[in-house]
Amino acid sequence: MESMNTQPTWHRLSSLDRNARTAICSICGPTAVRIRENGEGRAQCRTKRREEHAKENRTRKRYPEKQREYSLKQRAKRYGWEDGFSVAHYEVLLAAQGGGCAICGAKEQASGRRLAIDHDHASGKIRGLLCTSCNIVLGRFSDDAQRFTSAARYLTKNVLAEPH
C-alpha cells in the first residue's frame, strides 16, 4: 500500500493498492482506481474520471470544429507529420478526391465520422483519405499490392459449379 498525494484534494487517494487497483478516495470512499496498463503513473478515482470524461464529451459536442482541428493535430503529432495536418489540409485532399474515399468514392458519413487519413507506415507520407471499410482492407492486406492483385484475379475468375 502507498499513499498517493498527486490527486487534487477533492479526490485524494490513500491506501492505494496497485495490484488490486483499489484505493480509498477522500470523496467516494473505497473505490476502484484507474491505473495505466503498464501499472505506472498516476492513479485516478474512477468516479472522478467518469465526471471528467462526461465534461470532455459535452465540450466536444459543443465545439465540433475545435474538436476536429484538435483531433487532426493529435494525429499529426502521433504520426510525426512535421508540417502538421489541419482541417484545411483535410478539406483540400477531400476536394481533390472528389469529396469521398480515394478507393470506393464513399462520402463522409452523416454521423460526422470523418474519412481515415491513410499513410505509408514506412515513410509516414500521406496517401489519401479512405472510408472505414477500405482502410480496414488495406490494413488486413498489410498494404501489399500483390495481395490486392491476387484478390482481384480471384474475384474475376469463373464461378465454380454449384455443389450437388
Protein backbone atom coordinates (compact mmCIF):
# COMPACT_ATOMS: atom_id res chain seq x y z
CA MET A 1 0.00 0.00 0.00
CA GLU A 2 1.19 3.50 -0.77
CA SER A 3 -0.13 6.98 -0.24
CA MET A 4 -0.90 8.95 -3.37
CA ASN A 5 -0.76 12.73 -2.90
CA THR A 6 -0.83 13.76 -6.55
CA GLN A 7 -4.64 13.89 -6.69
CA PRO A 8 -6.45 17.19 -6.13
CA THR A 9 -7.69 17.49 -2.55
CA TRP A 10 -11.30 16.85 -3.55
CA HIS A 11 -10.43 13.32 -4.83
CA ARG A 12 -7.30 12.48 -2.88
CA LEU A 13 -6.42 8.78 -2.86
CA SER A 14 -4.95 6.95 0.09
CA SER A 15 -4.22 3.28 0.80
CA LEU A 16 -3.55 2.68 -2.88
CA ASP A 17 -3.10 -0.97 -3.83
CA ARG A 18 -1.75 -1.00 -7.39
CA ASN A 19 -2.15 -4.77 -7.78
CA ALA A 20 -5.81 -4.85 -6.76
CA ARG A 21 -6.42 -1.43 -8.35
CA THR A 22 -8.25 -0.17 -5.31
CA ALA A 23 -7.87 2.79 -3.00
CA ILE A 24 -9.77 5.00 -0.62
CA CYS A 25 -10.94 8.24 -2.20
CA SER A 26 -11.49 11.24 0.08
CA ILE A 27 -14.88 11.82 -1.62
CA CYS A 28 -16.03 8.42 -2.86
CA GLY A 29 -14.65 6.19 -0.11
CA PRO A 30 -13.39 2.71 -1.08
CA THR A 31 -13.23 2.67 -4.86
CA ALA A 32 -11.69 1.05 -7.89
CA VAL A 33 -8.95 3.14 -9.44
CA ARG A 34 -7.82 3.59 -12.98
CA ILE A 35 -4.10 2.97 -13.49
CA ARG A 36 -2.40 2.90 -16.86
CA GLU A 37 -1.91 -0.57 -18.31
CA ASN A 38 1.81 -0.61 -17.59
CA GLY A 39 1.00 -0.04 -13.92
CA GLU A 40 3.00 3.17 -13.80
CA GLY A 41 1.91 6.74 -13.50
CA ARG A 42 -0.87 8.43 -11.62
CA ALA A 43 -3.81 6.51 -10.25
CA GLN A 44 -7.22 8.08 -10.62
CA CYS A 45 -10.53 7.51 -8.87
CA ARG A 46 -12.91 6.03 -11.44
CA THR A 47 -15.79 8.25 -10.34
CA LYS A 48 -13.64 11.36 -10.89
CA ARG A 49 -12.52 10.04 -14.29
CA ARG A 50 -16.14 9.45 -15.34
CA GLU A 51 -17.01 13.03 -14.36
CA GLU A 52 -14.07 14.38 -16.38
CA HIS A 53 -14.96 12.19 -19.34
CA ALA A 54 -18.57 13.42 -19.34
CA LYS A 55 -17.34 17.02 -19.25
CA GLU A 56 -14.95 16.36 -22.16
CA ASN A 57 -17.79 14.81 -24.19
CA ARG A 58 -20.03 17.82 -23.57
CA THR A 59 -17.22 20.11 -24.74
CA ARG A 60 -16.65 18.00 -27.87
CA LYS A 61 -20.33 18.24 -28.76
CA ARG A 62 -20.48 21.97 -28.08
CA TYR A 63 -17.41 22.81 -30.21
CA PRO A 64 -17.20 20.20 -33.00
CA GLU A 65 -14.89 22.26 -35.24
CA LYS A 66 -12.39 22.79 -32.41
CA GLN A 67 -12.56 19.06 -31.67
CA ARG A 68 -11.95 18.25 -35.33
CA GLU A 69 -8.91 20.54 -35.51
CA TYR A 70 -7.55 19.14 -32.23
CA SER A 71 -8.05 15.56 -33.44
CA LEU A 72 -6.13 16.23 -36.66
CA LYS A 73 -3.30 17.94 -34.75
CA GLN A 74 -3.05 14.96 -32.39
CA ARG A 75 -2.90 12.55 -35.34
CA ALA A 76 -0.19 14.65 -36.97
CA LYS A 77 1.80 14.62 -33.76
CA ARG A 78 1.35 10.85 -33.27
CA TYR A 79 2.49 10.03 -36.81
CA GLY A 80 5.30 12.58 -36.88
CA TRP A 81 3.99 14.69 -39.75
CA GLU A 82 6.32 17.67 -39.39
CA ASP A 83 4.12 20.20 -41.17
CA GLY A 84 1.09 19.03 -39.18
CA PHE A 85 -2.25 18.27 -40.72
CA SER A 86 -5.01 20.81 -40.36
CA VAL A 87 -8.66 20.93 -41.31
CA ALA A 88 -7.57 22.98 -44.34
CA HIS A 89 -5.23 20.17 -45.46
CA TYR A 90 -8.03 17.65 -44.98
CA GLU A 91 -10.52 19.74 -46.98
CA VAL A 92 -8.07 20.23 -49.89
CA LEU A 93 -7.32 16.50 -50.02
CA LEU A 94 -11.04 15.66 -49.79
CA ALA A 95 -11.87 18.03 -52.66
CA ALA A 96 -9.01 16.58 -54.78
CA GLN A 97 -10.55 13.13 -54.29
CA GLY A 98 -13.99 14.27 -55.40
CA GLY A 99 -15.36 14.54 -51.87
CA GLY A 100 -15.10 10.87 -50.94
CA CYS A 101 -12.93 7.82 -50.33
CA ALA A 102 -9.92 7.56 -52.67
CA ILE A 103 -10.78 3.91 -53.42
CA CYS A 104 -14.57 3.49 -53.49
CA GLY A 105 -15.77 7.11 -53.52
CA ALA A 106 -17.93 6.79 -50.39
CA LYS A 107 -18.76 10.17 -48.88
CA GLU A 108 -18.25 11.16 -45.25
CA GLN A 109 -20.95 9.75 -43.03
CA ALA A 110 -23.83 11.94 -41.90
CA SER A 111 -22.94 10.96 -38.32
CA GLY A 112 -19.88 13.19 -38.64
CA ARG A 113 -17.40 10.33 -38.84
CA ARG A 114 -14.51 11.52 -40.95
CA LEU A 115 -12.61 9.60 -43.58
CA ALA A 116 -9.40 7.99 -42.32
CA ILE A 117 -6.10 9.62 -43.22
CA ASP A 118 -4.23 6.82 -45.00
CA HIS A 119 -0.45 6.99 -44.83
CA ASP A 120 2.55 4.85 -45.69
CA HIS A 121 3.73 3.34 -42.41
CA ALA A 122 7.35 3.15 -43.59
CA SER A 123 7.73 6.76 -44.75
CA GLY A 124 4.84 8.40 -42.87
CA LYS A 125 3.73 10.14 -46.09
CA ILE A 126 0.01 10.71 -46.51
CA ARG A 127 -1.55 8.82 -49.44
CA GLY A 128 -5.17 9.92 -49.22
CA LEU A 129 -8.46 9.73 -47.35
CA LEU A 130 -10.27 6.40 -47.04
CA CYS A 131 -13.61 5.22 -45.71
CA THR A 132 -13.51 2.81 -42.77
CA SER A 133 -14.10 -0.28 -44.94
CA CYS A 134 -11.34 0.49 -47.43
CA ASN A 135 -8.94 1.47 -44.65
CA ILE A 136 -9.56 -1.86 -42.88
CA VAL A 137 -8.98 -3.82 -46.10
CA LEU A 138 -5.66 -2.05 -46.65
CA GLY A 139 -4.65 -2.91 -43.10
CA ARG A 140 -5.71 -6.55 -43.44
CA PHE A 141 -3.70 -6.86 -46.65
CA SER A 142 -0.69 -5.18 -44.96
CA ASP A 143 -0.55 -2.60 -47.78
CA ASP A 144 0.70 -5.41 -50.07
CA ALA A 145 -0.16 -4.63 -53.71
CA GLN A 146 0.44 -8.26 -54.73
CA ARG A 147 -2.31 -9.41 -52.38
CA PHE A 148 -4.74 -6.97 -53.99
CA THR A 149 -3.79 -8.21 -57.47
CA SER A 150 -4.33 -11.81 -56.36
CA ALA A 151 -7.67 -10.91 -54.77
CA ALA A 152 -8.81 -9.13 -57.95
CA ARG A 153 -7.83 -12.17 -60.03
CA TYR A 154 -9.73 -14.42 -57.63
CA LEU A 155 -12.88 -12.30 -57.84
CA THR A 156 -12.84 -12.21 -61.64
CA LYS A 157 -12.35 -15.98 -62.14
CA ASN A 158 -15.23 -18.07 -63.39
CA VAL A 159 -17.53 -19.17 -60.61
CA LEU A 160 -17.21 -22.87 -59.83
CA ALA A 161 -20.14 -25.19 -60.33
CA GLU A 162 -22.73 -25.32 -57.59
CA PRO A 163 -22.27 -28.18 -55.11
CA HIS A 164 -24.76 -31.03 -55.61
